[in-house]
C-alpha atoms as a PDB file:
ATOM      1  CA  HIS A   1       0.000   0.000   0.000  1.00  0.00           C
ATOM      2  CA  ARG A   2       2.853   2.363   0.859  1.00  0.00           C
ATOM      3  CA  ASP A   3       4.567   1.534  -2.472  1.00  0.00           C
ATOM      4  CA  LEU A   4       1.437   2.342  -4.464  1.00  0.00           C
ATOM      5  CA  HIS A   5       1.056   5.747  -2.864  1.00  0.00           C
ATOM      6  CA  SER A   6       4.726   6.540  -3.317  1.00  0.00           C
ATOM      7  CA  PHE A   7       4.565   5.873  -7.125  1.00  0.00           C
ATOM      8  CA  PRO A   8       4.632   9.293  -8.816  1.00  0.00           C
ATOM      9  CA  THR A   9       1.603  10.217 -10.890  1.00  0.00           C
ATOM     10  CA  ARG A  10       2.112  11.434 -14.471  1.00  0.00           C
ATOM     11  CA  ARG A  11       0.754  14.778 -15.537  1.00  0.00           C
ATOM     12  CA  SER A  12      -1.302  15.243 -18.662  1.00  0.00           C
ATOM     13  CA  SER A  13       1.596  17.091 -20.311  1.00  0.00           C
ATOM     14  CA  ASP A  14       3.817  14.058 -19.784  1.00  0.00           C
ATOM     15  CA  LEU A  15       1.222  11.848 -21.427  1.00  0.00           C
ATOM     16  CA  GLU A  16       1.057  14.185 -24.418  1.00  0.00           C
ATOM     17  CA  ASN A  17       4.840  14.038 -24.748  1.00  0.00           C
ATOM     18  CA  LEU A  18       4.691  10.256 -24.765  1.00  0.00           C
ATOM     19  CA  ARG A  19       2.052  10.284 -27.513  1.00  0.00           C
ATOM     20  CA  GLY A  20       4.219  12.384 -29.768  1.00  0.00           C
ATOM     21  CA  PRO A  21       3.387  15.551 -31.639  1.00  0.00           C
ATOM     22  CA  ALA A  22      -0.261  16.205 -32.308  1.00  0.00           C
ATOM     23  CA  VAL A  23      -1.489  15.585 -35.814  1.00  0.00           C
ATOM     24  CA  GLY A  24      -3.849  18.291 -37.090  1.00  0.00           C
ATOM     25  CA  ARG A  25      -6.738  17.841 -39.555  1.00  0.00           C
ATOM     26  CA  PRO A  26      -5.817  17.983 -43.260  1.00  0.00           C
ATOM     27  CA  SER A  27      -6.627  21.184 -45.062  1.00  0.00           C
ATOM     28  CA  ALA A  28      -9.276  21.456 -47.763  1.00  0.00           C
ATOM     29  CA  ALA A  29      -6.609  21.461 -50.480  1.00  0.00           C
ATOM     30  CA  ASP A  30      -5.033  18.285 -49.093  1.00  0.00           C
ATOM     31  CA  ALA A  31      -8.413  16.586 -48.866  1.00  0.00           C
ATOM     32  CA  ARG A  32      -9.199  17.535 -52.462  1.00  0.00           C
ATOM     33  CA  ARG A  33      -5.830  16.230 -53.615  1.00  0.00           C
ATOM     34  CA  TYR A  34      -6.313  12.933 -51.775  1.00  0.00           C
ATOM     35  CA  TRP A  35      -9.806  12.589 -53.314  1.00  0.00           C
ATOM     36  CA  LEU A  36      -8.509  13.237 -56.810  1.00  0.00           C
ATOM     37  CA  GLN A  37      -5.756  10.671 -56.375  1.00  0.00           C
ATOM     38  CA  ALA A  38      -8.270   8.088 -55.191  1.00  0.00           C
ATOM     39  CA  LYS A  39     -10.724   8.860 -58.012  1.00  0.00           C
ATOM     40  CA  ARG A  40      -8.183   9.356 -60.800  1.00  0.00           C
ATOM     41  CA  SER A  41      -8.724   5.945 -62.316  1.00  0.00           C
ATOM     42  CA  GLN A  42     -12.464   6.535 -62.332  1.00  0.00           C
ATOM     43  CA  LEU A  43     -12.310  10.074 -63.717  1.00  0.00           C
ATOM     44  CA  THR A  44      -9.858   9.399 -66.544  1.00  0.00           C
ATOM     45  CA  PRO A  45     -12.419   7.738 -68.905  1.00  0.00           C
ATOM     46  CA  TYR A  46     -14.827  10.629 -68.391  1.00  0.00           C
ATOM     47  CA  LEU A  47     -12.116  13.117 -69.326  1.00  0.00           C
ATOM     48  CA  PHE A  48     -11.558  11.289 -72.611  1.00  0.00           C
ATOM     49  CA  ILE A  49     -15.255  11.242 -73.532  1.00  0.00           C
ATOM     50  CA  ALA A  50     -15.923  14.778 -72.295  1.00  0.00           C
ATOM     51  CA  PRO A  51     -15.350  16.447 -75.724  1.00  0.00           C
ATOM     52  CA  ASN A  52     -17.618  13.945 -77.437  1.00  0.00           C
ATOM     53  CA  MET A  53     -20.291  14.351 -74.771  1.00  0.00           C
ATOM     54  CA  ALA A  54     -20.071  18.129 -75.104  1.00  0.00           C
ATOM     55  CA  LEU A  55     -20.649  17.934 -78.862  1.00  0.00           C
ATOM     56  CA  PHE A  56     -23.417  15.391 -78.357  1.00  0.00           C
ATOM     57  CA  SER A  57     -25.135  17.668 -75.862  1.00  0.00           C
ATOM     58  CA  VAL A  58     -24.876  20.759 -78.060  1.00  0.00           C
ATOM     59  CA  PHE A  59     -25.979  19.159 -81.325  1.00  0.00           C
ATOM     60  CA  VAL A  60     -28.276  16.309 -80.159  1.00  0.00           C
ATOM     61  CA  PHE A  61     -29.415  16.430 -76.541  1.00  0.00           C
ATOM     62  CA  PHE A  62     -30.239  20.124 -76.220  1.00  0.00           C
ATOM     63  CA  PRO A  63     -31.950  20.296 -79.660  1.00  0.00           C
ATOM     64  CA  LEU A  64     -34.010  17.265 -78.653  1.00  0.00           C
ATOM     65  CA  LEU A  65     -35.153  18.994 -75.479  1.00  0.00           C
ATOM     66  CA  TYR A  66     -35.875  22.166 -77.425  1.00  0.00           C
ATOM     67  CA  ALA A  67     -37.903  20.205 -79.995  1.00  0.00           C
ATOM     68  CA  PHE A  68     -40.020  18.786 -77.187  1.00  0.00           C
ATOM     69  CA  TYR A  69     -40.433  22.314 -75.830  1.00  0.00           C
ATOM     70  CA  ILE A  70     -41.616  23.567 -79.235  1.00  0.00           C
ATOM     71  CA  SER A  71     -43.935  20.565 -79.703  1.00  0.00           C
ATOM     72  CA  LEU A  72     -46.041  21.850 -76.812  1.00  0.00           C
ATOM     73  CA  ARG A  73     -46.516  25.215 -78.487  1.00  0.00           C
ATOM     74  CA  GLU A  74     -47.935  26.845 -81.579  1.00  0.00           C
ATOM     75  CA  TRP A  75     -45.214  28.692 -83.489  1.00  0.00           C
ATOM     76  CA  SER A  76     -44.886  29.895 -87.060  1.00  0.00           C
ATOM     77  CA  LEU A  77     -41.214  31.005 -86.807  1.00  0.00           C
ATOM     78  CA  ILE A  78     -42.346  34.649 -86.831  1.00  0.00           C
ATOM     79  CA  ASP A  79     -44.685  35.212 -83.913  1.00  0.00           C
ATOM     80  CA  THR A  80     -44.124  34.366 -80.254  1.00  0.00           C
ATOM     81  CA  PRO A  81     -44.591  30.671 -79.346  1.00  0.00           C
ATOM     82  CA  ARG A  82     -47.914  30.080 -77.617  1.00  0.00           C
ATOM     83  CA  TYR A  83     -48.336  27.192 -75.181  1.00  0.00           C
ATOM     84  CA  ILE A  84     -51.110  24.780 -76.252  1.00  0.00           C
ATOM     85  CA  GLY A  85     -50.200  21.647 -74.291  1.00  0.00           C
ATOM     86  CA  LEU A  86     -50.711  18.314 -76.044  1.00  0.00           C
ATOM     87  CA  GLU A  87     -52.909  19.629 -78.852  1.00  0.00           C
ATOM     88  CA  ASN A  88     -50.252  18.968 -81.495  1.00  0.00           C
ATOM     89  CA  TYR A  89     -50.001  15.328 -80.399  1.00  0.00           C
ATOM     90  CA  ALA A  90     -53.777  14.957 -80.342  1.00  0.00           C
ATOM     91  CA  ARG A  91     -53.921  16.364 -83.871  1.00  0.00           C
ATOM     92  CA  LEU A  92     -51.696  13.554 -85.134  1.00  0.00           C
ATOM     93  CA  ALA A  93     -54.364  10.963 -84.350  1.00  0.00           C
ATOM     94  CA  SER A  94     -56.754  12.451 -86.944  1.00  0.00           C
ATOM     95  CA  ASP A  95     -54.188  13.502 -89.559  1.00  0.00           C
ATOM     96  CA  THR A  96     -54.616  11.121 -92.503  1.00  0.00           C
ATOM     97  CA  LEU A  97     -51.522  12.460 -94.289  1.00  0.00           C
ATOM     98  CA  PHE A  98     -49.408  11.715 -91.231  1.00  0.00           C
ATOM     99  CA  TRP A  99     -50.596   8.116 -91.125  1.00  0.00           C
ATOM    100  CA  GLN A 100     -50.151   7.738 -94.884  1.00  0.00           C
ATOM    101  CA  SER A 101     -46.580   9.058 -94.711  1.00  0.00           C
ATOM    102  CA  LEU A 102     -45.917   6.753 -91.780  1.00  0.00           C
ATOM    103  CA  SER A 103     -47.332   3.822 -93.752  1.00  0.00           C
ATOM    104  CA  ASN A 104     -45.180   4.722 -96.777  1.00  0.00           C
ATOM    105  CA  THR A 105     -42.132   4.850 -94.530  1.00  0.00           C
ATOM    106  CA  ALA A 106     -42.925   1.431 -93.043  1.00  0.00           C
ATOM    107  CA  VAL A 107     -43.388  -0.122 -96.499  1.00  0.00           C
ATOM    108  CA  TYR A 108     -40.178   1.503 -97.713  1.00  0.00           C
ATOM    109  CA  SER A 109     -38.261   0.171 -94.688  1.00  0.00           C
ATOM    110  CA  ILE A 110     -39.631  -3.351 -95.019  1.00  0.00           C
ATOM    111  CA  ALA A 111     -38.738  -3.397 -98.714  1.00  0.00           C
ATOM    112  CA  THR A 112     -35.221  -1.976 -98.433  1.00  0.00           C
ATOM    113  CA  VAL A 113     -33.696  -3.124 -95.136  1.00  0.00           C
ATOM    114  CA  PRO A 114     -34.010  -6.949 -95.443  1.00  0.00           C
ATOM    115  CA  MET A 115     -33.136  -6.899 -99.139  1.00  0.00           C
ATOM    116  CA  SER A 116     -30.050  -4.724 -98.630  1.00  0.00           C
ATOM    117  CA  LEU A 117     -28.847  -7.045 -95.843  1.00  0.00           C
ATOM    118  CA  ALA A 118     -29.453 -10.173 -97.916  1.00  0.00           C
ATOM    119  CA  ILE A 119     -27.804  -8.862-101.101  1.00  0.00           C
ATOM    120  CA  GLY A 120     -24.917  -7.381 -99.121  1.00  0.00           C
ATOM    121  CA  LEU A 121     -24.316 -10.725 -97.410  1.00  0.00           C
ATOM    122  CA  VAL A 122     -24.354 -12.621-100.721  1.00  0.00           C
ATOM    123  CA  LEU A 123     -21.859 -10.173-102.230  1.00  0.00           C
ATOM    124  CA  ALA A 124     -19.656 -10.379 -99.142  1.00  0.00           C
ATOM    125  CA  LEU A 125     -19.609 -14.177 -99.292  1.00  0.00           C
ATOM    126  CA  ALA A 126     -18.792 -14.084-103.004  1.00  0.00           C
ATOM    127  CA  LEU A 127     -16.052 -11.431-102.724  1.00  0.00           C
ATOM    128  CA  ASN A 128     -14.478 -13.010 -99.657  1.00  0.00           C
ATOM    129  CA  ARG A 129     -12.923 -15.665-101.871  1.00  0.00           C
ATOM    130  CA  ASP A 130      -9.860 -15.516-104.092  1.00  0.00           C
ATOM    131  CA  LEU A 131     -11.364 -14.081-107.284  1.00  0.00           C
ATOM    132  CA  PHE A 132      -9.784 -12.246-110.170  1.00  0.00           C
ATOM    133  CA  GLY A 133     -10.412  -8.508-109.843  1.00  0.00           C
ATOM    134  CA  ARG A 134     -11.837  -8.881-106.336  1.00  0.00           C
ATOM    135  CA  THR A 135     -10.551  -5.470-105.206  1.00  0.00           C
ATOM    136  CA  ILE A 136     -12.042  -3.730-108.260  1.00  0.00           C
ATOM    137  CA  LEU A 137     -15.402  -5.414-107.720  1.00  0.00           C
ATOM    138  CA  ARG A 138     -15.448  -4.345-104.070  1.00  0.00           C
ATOM    139  CA  SER A 139     -14.757  -0.762-105.101  1.00  0.00           C
ATOM    140  CA  VAL A 140     -17.471  -0.832-107.748  1.00  0.00           C
ATOM    141  CA  PHE A 141     -20.126  -2.072-105.320  1.00  0.00           C
ATOM    142  CA  PHE A 142     -19.042   0.377-102.615  1.00  0.00           C
ATOM    143  CA  LEU A 143     -18.866   3.400-104.935  1.00  0.00           C
ATOM    144  CA  PRO A 144     -22.569   4.418-104.566  1.00  0.00           C
ATOM    145  CA  VAL A 145     -22.058   4.727-100.801  1.00  0.00           C
ATOM    146  CA  VAL A 146     -19.554   7.571-101.131  1.00  0.00           C
ATOM    147  CA  ILE A 147     -21.505   9.416-103.832  1.00  0.00           C
ATOM    148  CA  SER A 148     -23.827  12.181-102.656  1.00  0.00           C
ATOM    149  CA  ASN A 149     -27.457  11.106-102.365  1.00  0.00           C
ATOM    150  CA  VAL A 150     -28.494  14.125-104.417  1.00  0.00           C
ATOM    151  CA  ALA A 151     -26.197  13.056-107.259  1.00  0.00           C
ATOM    152  CA  THR A 152     -27.481   9.510-106.952  1.00  0.00           C
ATOM    153  CA  ALA A 153     -31.090  10.750-107.104  1.00  0.00           C
ATOM    154  CA  VAL A 154     -30.357  12.819-110.217  1.00  0.00           C
ATOM    155  CA  ILE A 155     -28.816   9.799-111.943  1.00  0.00           C
ATOM    156  CA  ALA A 156     -31.719   7.563-110.901  1.00  0.00           C
ATOM    157  CA  ALA A 157     -34.293  10.135-112.065  1.00  0.00           C
ATOM    158  CA  TRP A 158     -32.594  10.161-115.454  1.00  0.00           C
ATOM    159  CA  LEU A 159     -32.567   6.361-115.637  1.00  0.00           C
ATOM    160  CA  PHE A 160     -36.225   6.010-114.590  1.00  0.00           C
ATOM    161  CA  ASN A 161     -37.549   8.972-116.595  1.00  0.00           C
ATOM    162  CA  ASP A 162     -40.879   8.165-118.226  1.00  0.00           C
ATOM    163  CA  ASN A 163     -40.116   9.839-121.571  1.00  0.00           C
ATOM    164  CA  TYR A 164     -36.399   9.589-122.277  1.00  0.00           C
ATOM    165  CA  GLY A 165     -35.143   7.274-119.536  1.00  0.00           C
ATOM    166  CA  VAL A 166     -32.535   4.650-120.274  1.00  0.00           C
ATOM    167  CA  ILE A 167     -34.562   1.866-118.659  1.00  0.00           C
ATOM    168  CA  ASN A 168     -37.628   2.537-120.801  1.00  0.00           C
ATOM    169  CA  ALA A 169     -35.409   2.690-123.901  1.00  0.00           C
ATOM    170  CA  LEU A 170     -34.029  -0.762-123.073  1.00  0.00           C
ATOM    171  CA  LEU A 171     -37.509  -2.121-122.402  1.00  0.00           C
ATOM    172  CA  GLN A 172     -38.706  -0.881-125.789  1.00  0.00           C
ATOM    173  CA  GLN A 173     -35.841  -2.764-127.434  1.00  0.00           C
ATOM    174  CA  VAL A 174     -37.282  -6.050-126.143  1.00  0.00           C
ATOM    175  CA  GLY A 175     -40.873  -5.153-127.059  1.00  0.00           C
ATOM    176  CA  ILE A 176     -42.094  -3.910-123.676  1.00  0.00           C
ATOM    177  CA  GLY A 177     -43.922  -0.595-123.627  1.00  0.00           C
ATOM    178  CA  PRO A 178     -42.687   2.366-121.565  1.00  0.00           C
ATOM    179  CA  VAL A 179     -43.427   2.199-117.856  1.00  0.00           C
ATOM    180  CA  ALA A 180     -44.417   5.276-115.838  1.00  0.00           C
ATOM    181  CA  TRP A 181     -41.721   4.705-113.241  1.00  0.00           C
ATOM    182  CA  LEU A 182     -41.906   8.083-111.495  1.00  0.00           C
ATOM    183  CA  SER A 183     -45.376   9.344-112.424  1.00  0.00           C
ATOM    184  CA  SER A 184     -47.398   6.301-111.406  1.00  0.00           C
ATOM    185  CA  PRO A 185     -48.298   5.567-107.758  1.00  0.00           C
ATOM    186  CA  ARG A 186     -47.854   1.899-108.585  1.00  0.00           C
ATOM    187  CA  TRP A 187     -44.224   2.161-109.715  1.00  0.00           C
ATOM    188  CA  ALA A 188     -42.861   5.288-108.017  1.00  0.00           C
ATOM    189  CA  LEU A 189     -42.178   3.619-104.674  1.00  0.00           C
ATOM    190  CA  PHE A 190     -40.675   0.621-106.463  1.00  0.00           C
ATOM    191  CA  SER A 191     -38.228   2.940-108.256  1.00  0.00           C
ATOM    192  CA  LEU A 192     -37.206   4.469-104.945  1.00  0.00           C
ATOM    193  CA  VAL A 193     -36.648   1.037-103.408  1.00  0.00           C
ATOM    194  CA  VAL A 194     -34.421  -0.064-106.302  1.00  0.00           C
ATOM    195  CA  THR A 195     -32.373   3.139-106.061  1.00  0.00           C
ATOM    196  CA  SER A 196     -32.008   2.778-102.288  1.00  0.00           C
ATOM    197  CA  LEU A 197     -30.823  -0.814-102.675  1.00  0.00           C
ATOM    198  CA  TRP A 198     -28.200   0.343-105.153  1.00  0.00           C
ATOM    199  CA  VAL A 199     -26.908   2.765-102.513  1.00  0.00           C
ATOM    200  CA  ARG A 200     -27.065   0.536 -99.424  1.00  0.00           C
ATOM    201  CA  ILE A 201     -25.834  -2.870-100.526  1.00  0.00           C
ATOM    202  CA  GLY A 202     -22.252  -1.582-100.769  1.00  0.00           C
ATOM    203  CA  PHE A 203     -22.205  -0.523 -97.137  1.00  0.00           C
ATOM    204  CA  CYS A 204     -23.742  -3.833 -96.001  1.00  0.00           C
ATOM    205  CA  MET A 205     -21.211  -5.706 -98.112  1.00  0.00           C
ATOM    206  CA  VAL A 206     -18.245  -3.941 -96.505  1.00  0.00           C
ATOM    207  CA  VAL A 207     -19.505  -4.532 -92.965  1.00  0.00           C
ATOM    208  CA  TYR A 208     -20.165  -8.194 -93.663  1.00  0.00           C
ATOM    209  CA  LEU A 209     -16.748  -8.547 -95.300  1.00  0.00           C
ATOM    210  CA  ALA A 210     -15.083  -7.190 -92.179  1.00  0.00           C
ATOM    211  CA  ALA A 211     -17.107  -9.572 -90.021  1.00  0.00           C
ATOM    212  CA  LEU A 212     -16.302 -12.574 -92.246  1.00  0.00           C
ATOM    213  CA  GLN A 213     -12.582 -11.850 -92.184  1.00  0.00           C
ATOM    214  CA  SER A 214     -12.634 -11.663 -88.391  1.00  0.00           C
ATOM    215  CA  ILE A 215     -13.879 -15.269 -88.093  1.00  0.00           C
ATOM    216  CA  SER A 216     -11.063 -17.637 -87.209  1.00  0.00           C
ATOM    217  CA  PRO A 217     -10.433 -20.425 -89.786  1.00  0.00           C
ATOM    218  CA  THR A 218     -10.184 -22.950 -86.939  1.00  0.00           C
ATOM    219  CA  TYR A 219     -13.985 -22.991 -86.695  1.00  0.00           C
ATOM    220  CA  TYR A 220     -14.290 -24.115 -90.306  1.00  0.00           C
ATOM    221  CA  ASP A 221     -11.493 -26.661 -89.888  1.00  0.00           C
ATOM    222  CA  ALA A 222     -13.306 -28.199 -86.935  1.00  0.00           C
ATOM    223  CA  ALA A 223     -16.595 -28.215 -88.867  1.00  0.00           C
ATOM    224  CA  GLN A 224     -14.957 -29.945 -91.854  1.00  0.00           C
ATOM    225  CA  MET A 225     -13.465 -32.584 -89.576  1.00  0.00           C
ATOM    226  CA  ASP A 226     -16.970 -33.238 -88.240  1.00  0.00           C
ATOM    227  CA  GLY A 227     -18.227 -33.694 -91.805  1.00  0.00           C
ATOM    228  CA  ALA A 228     -20.255 -30.489 -92.077  1.00  0.00           C
ATOM    229  CA  SER A 229     -21.309 -29.415 -95.546  1.00  0.00           C
ATOM    230  CA  ARG A 230     -20.940 -25.851 -96.867  1.00  0.00           C
ATOM    231  CA  TRP A 231     -24.527 -25.039 -95.985  1.00  0.00           C
ATOM    232  CA  GLN A 232     -24.100 -26.459 -92.495  1.00  0.00           C
ATOM    233  CA  GLN A 233     -20.914 -24.441 -92.039  1.00  0.00           C
ATOM    234  CA  PHE A 234     -22.781 -21.287 -93.018  1.00  0.00           C
ATOM    235  CA  ARG A 235     -25.783 -22.087 -90.852  1.00  0.00           C
ATOM    236  CA  PHE A 236     -24.012 -23.176 -87.681  1.00  0.00           C
ATOM    237  CA  VAL A 237     -20.693 -21.289 -87.913  1.00  0.00           C
ATOM    238  CA  THR A 238     -20.861 -18.250 -90.194  1.00  0.00           C
ATOM    239  CA  TRP A 239     -24.374 -16.974 -89.529  1.00  0.00           C
ATOM    240  CA  PRO A 240     -24.204 -17.078 -85.695  1.00  0.00           C
ATOM    241  CA  LEU A 241     -20.857 -15.262 -85.744  1.00  0.00           C
ATOM    242  CA  LEU A 242     -22.324 -12.632 -88.087  1.00  0.00           C
ATOM    243  CA  ARG A 243     -25.147 -11.823 -85.668  1.00  0.00           C
ATOM    244  CA  PRO A 244     -23.498  -8.669 -84.196  1.00  0.00           C
ATOM    245  CA  ALA A 245     -22.876  -7.282 -87.687  1.00  0.00           C
ATOM    246  CA  THR A 246     -26.440  -8.096 -88.713  1.00  0.00           C
ATOM    247  CA  PHE A 247     -27.798  -6.383 -85.624  1.00  0.00           C
ATOM    248  CA  LEU A 248     -25.751  -3.263 -86.381  1.00  0.00           C
ATOM    249  CA  LEU A 249     -26.835  -3.158 -90.032  1.00  0.00           C
ATOM    250  CA  LEU A 250     -30.473  -3.733 -89.096  1.00  0.00           C
ATOM    251  CA  ILE A 251     -30.541  -0.814 -86.663  1.00  0.00           C
ATOM    252  CA  LEU A 252     -28.676   1.515 -89.028  1.00  0.00           C
ATOM    253  CA  GLY A 253     -30.870   0.467 -91.954  1.00  0.00           C
ATOM    254  CA  VAL A 254     -34.124   1.153 -90.123  1.00  0.00           C
ATOM    255  CA  ILE A 255     -32.871   4.523 -88.866  1.00  0.00           C
ATOM    256  CA  HIS A 256     -31.766   5.467 -92.370  1.00  0.00           C
ATOM    257  CA  SER A 257     -35.117   4.385 -93.831  1.00  0.00           C
ATOM    258  CA  PHE A 258     -37.075   6.465 -91.350  1.00  0.00           C
ATOM    259  CA  GLN A 259     -34.839   9.484 -92.010  1.00  0.00           C
ATOM    260  CA  VAL A 260     -34.645   9.311 -95.815  1.00  0.00           C
ATOM    261  CA  PHE A 261     -35.306  12.688 -97.414  1.00  0.00           C
ATOM    262  CA  ASP A 262     -32.956  13.928-100.138  1.00  0.00           C
ATOM    263  CA  LEU A 263     -33.283  10.856-102.368  1.00  0.00           C
ATOM    264  CA  ILE A 264     -37.076  11.078-102.476  1.00  0.00           C
ATOM    265  CA  TYR A 265     -37.189  14.864-102.582  1.00  0.00           C
ATOM    266  CA  VAL A 266     -35.112  14.928-105.783  1.00  0.00           C
ATOM    267  CA  MET A 267     -36.615  11.888-107.533  1.00  0.00           C
ATOM    268  CA  THR A 268     -40.361  12.232-106.884  1.00  0.00           C
ATOM    269  CA  GLY A 269     -40.882  15.150-104.506  1.00  0.00           C
ATOM    270  CA  GLY A 270     -43.196  12.904-102.516  1.00  0.00           C
ATOM    271  CA  GLY A 271     -45.529  12.303-105.445  1.00  0.00           C
ATOM    272  CA  PRO A 272     -47.424  11.418-107.424  1.00  0.00           C
ATOM    273  CA  GLY A 273     -49.954  12.616-104.924  1.00  0.00           C
ATOM    274  CA  PHE A 274     -48.649  11.456-101.551  1.00  0.00           C
ATOM    275  CA  SER A 275     -47.721   7.950-102.686  1.00  0.00           C
ATOM    276  CA  THR A 276     -44.017   8.405-101.876  1.00  0.00           C
ATOM    277  CA  THR A 277     -44.228  11.014 -99.113  1.00  0.00           C
ATOM    278  CA  MET A 278     -42.177   9.796 -96.147  1.00  0.00           C
ATOM    279  CA  ILE A 279     -42.482  10.943 -92.555  1.00  0.00           C
ATOM    280  CA  VAL A 280     -39.379  13.177 -92.676  1.00  0.00           C
ATOM    281  CA  GLN A 281     -40.587  14.899 -95.830  1.00  0.00           C
ATOM    282  CA  TYR A 282     -43.982  15.500 -94.265  1.00  0.00           C
ATOM    283  CA  ILE A 283     -42.241  17.015 -91.235  1.00  0.00           C
ATOM    284  CA  TYR A 284     -40.285  19.276 -93.580  1.00  0.00           C
ATOM    285  CA  GLN A 285     -43.450  20.397 -95.353  1.00  0.00           C
ATOM    286  CA  ALA A 286     -45.245  21.099 -92.085  1.00  0.00           C
ATOM    287  CA  ALA A 287     -42.319  23.107 -90.697  1.00  0.00           C
ATOM    288  CA  PHE A 288     -41.017  25.133 -93.651  1.00  0.00           C
ATOM    289  CA  VAL A 289     -43.949  25.125 -96.095  1.00  0.00           C
ATOM    290  CA  GLY A 290     -46.880  25.281 -93.686  1.00  0.00           C
ATOM    291  CA  SER A 291     -44.940  27.253 -91.003  1.00  0.00           C
ATOM    292  CA  GLU A 292     -46.181  24.913 -88.250  1.00  0.00           C
ATOM    293  CA  MET A 293     -43.050  24.380 -86.214  1.00  0.00           C
ATOM    294  CA  GLY A 294     -44.911  23.081 -83.170  1.00  0.00           C
ATOM    295  CA  TYR A 295     -46.779  20.448 -85.159  1.00  0.00           C
ATOM    296  CA  ALA A 296     -43.611  19.441 -87.034  1.00  0.00           C
ATOM    297  CA  SER A 297     -41.743  19.138 -83.725  1.00  0.00           C
ATOM    298  CA  ALA A 298     -44.488  16.879 -82.381  1.00  0.00           C
ATOM    299  CA  MET A 299     -44.097  14.579 -85.395  1.00  0.00           C
ATOM    300  CA  GLY A 300     -40.338  14.627 -84.896  1.00  0.00           C
ATOM    301  CA  MET A 301     -40.722  13.557 -81.274  1.00  0.00           C
ATOM    302  CA  VAL A 302     -43.039  10.717 -82.297  1.00  0.00           C
ATOM    303  CA  LEU A 303     -40.484   9.597 -84.887  1.00  0.00           C
ATOM    304  CA  PHE A 304     -37.721   9.715 -82.260  1.00  0.00           C
ATOM    305  CA  VAL A 305     -39.746   7.592 -79.831  1.00  0.00           C
ATOM    306  CA  MET A 306     -40.555   5.039 -82.533  1.00  0.00           C
ATOM    307  CA  ILE A 307     -36.901   4.622 -83.522  1.00  0.00           C
ATOM    308  CA  LEU A 308     -35.875   4.426 -79.862  1.00  0.00           C
ATOM    309  CA  ILE A 309     -38.451   1.727 -79.083  1.00  0.00           C
ATOM    310  CA  PHE A 310     -37.443  -0.305 -82.142  1.00  0.00           C
ATOM    311  CA  THR A 311     -33.758  -0.074 -81.206  1.00  0.00           C
ATOM    312  CA  LEU A 312     -34.400  -1.134 -77.624  1.00  0.00           C
ATOM    313  CA  LEU A 313     -36.554  -4.071 -78.723  1.00  0.00           C
ATOM    314  CA  GLN A 314     -33.932  -5.260 -81.202  1.00  0.00           C
ATOM    315  CA  TRP A 315     -31.217  -4.879 -78.585  1.00  0.00           C
ATOM    316  CA  ARG A 316     -33.242  -6.912 -76.098  1.00  0.00           C
ATOM    317  CA  VAL A 317     -33.972  -9.652 -78.636  1.00  0.00           C
ATOM    318  CA  ASN A 318     -30.309  -9.785 -79.641  1.00  0.00           C
ATOM    319  CA  ARG A 319     -29.235 -10.093 -76.013  1.00  0.00           C
ATOM    320  CA  ARG A 320     -31.665 -12.953 -75.412  1.00  0.00           C
ATOM    321  CA  VAL A 321     -30.451 -14.792 -78.501  1.00  0.00           C
ATOM    322  CA  GLU A 322     -26.838 -14.378 -77.389  1.00  0.00           C
ATOM    323  CA  ASP A 323     -27.682 -15.635 -73.884  1.00  0.00           C
ATOM    324  CA  VAL A 324     -29.395 -18.717 -75.323  1.00  0.00           C
ATOM    325  CA  ALA A 325     -26.468 -19.351 -77.677  1.00  0.00           C
END
């Protein structure tokens, strides 16, 4: 007991000396520097895509929001926009020309997209072999892709002209009378489909060629060892491995079909009547001919939603097929 009381007690200052110098809180600059160092690996990708996102926002995202803003108003480009709510969207339900242009666009897409994919795939399979003049043939089929659509439309209008067109001149040589390619509602859309196929098959061919050349030959060697025929190799090896390219071409083809304008504007002008009027051309007429910017913006928003829904559905179907495979 005497020893315990005789043991000297330590003061608080002595305890602080034993603990060492006090460490203060980091400053705001130090904390920010530590945070940046910890998040550097996460922030680096965003810094690389920042310029692209800025351009996307200026030229796509903000105009899309502004189009939705205008679609809720009545505006003739001259007066002050007047808010009318959803009247422009309600007007679409009873607009027969809108539904006819939408129907023409759907028929045009159904006629051009599958055919361009099929012909492009056949050409890619044919030109993927060792053929004489293969490079020249690839260039010839791809040439319409790099030519301006306006120039292509002028050439096609000359070929399909009812009076002095080259096609009618060739038909008369074999005893077939002239066909009203561009002045008949029956043949005008067919002429546009043929011209569009001439433009698109080159792009589909190039994409399929790149996809075919990326397939490893070991797959075909294994299939030949198992006794697979050429058709079985295409069905069970080539076609499944071409699915990503087909998905890409399908989405791009549908978007291009729903946005076609210059080709039809030069060749037929949407006529005869409204037989070849597409949705984008009808939007153009409503906006710049009828001075109904609000109504045109409403149609543009409907077109955007339709393309978005189609893309999401195709993406979901493609993901399910890949999961099953």
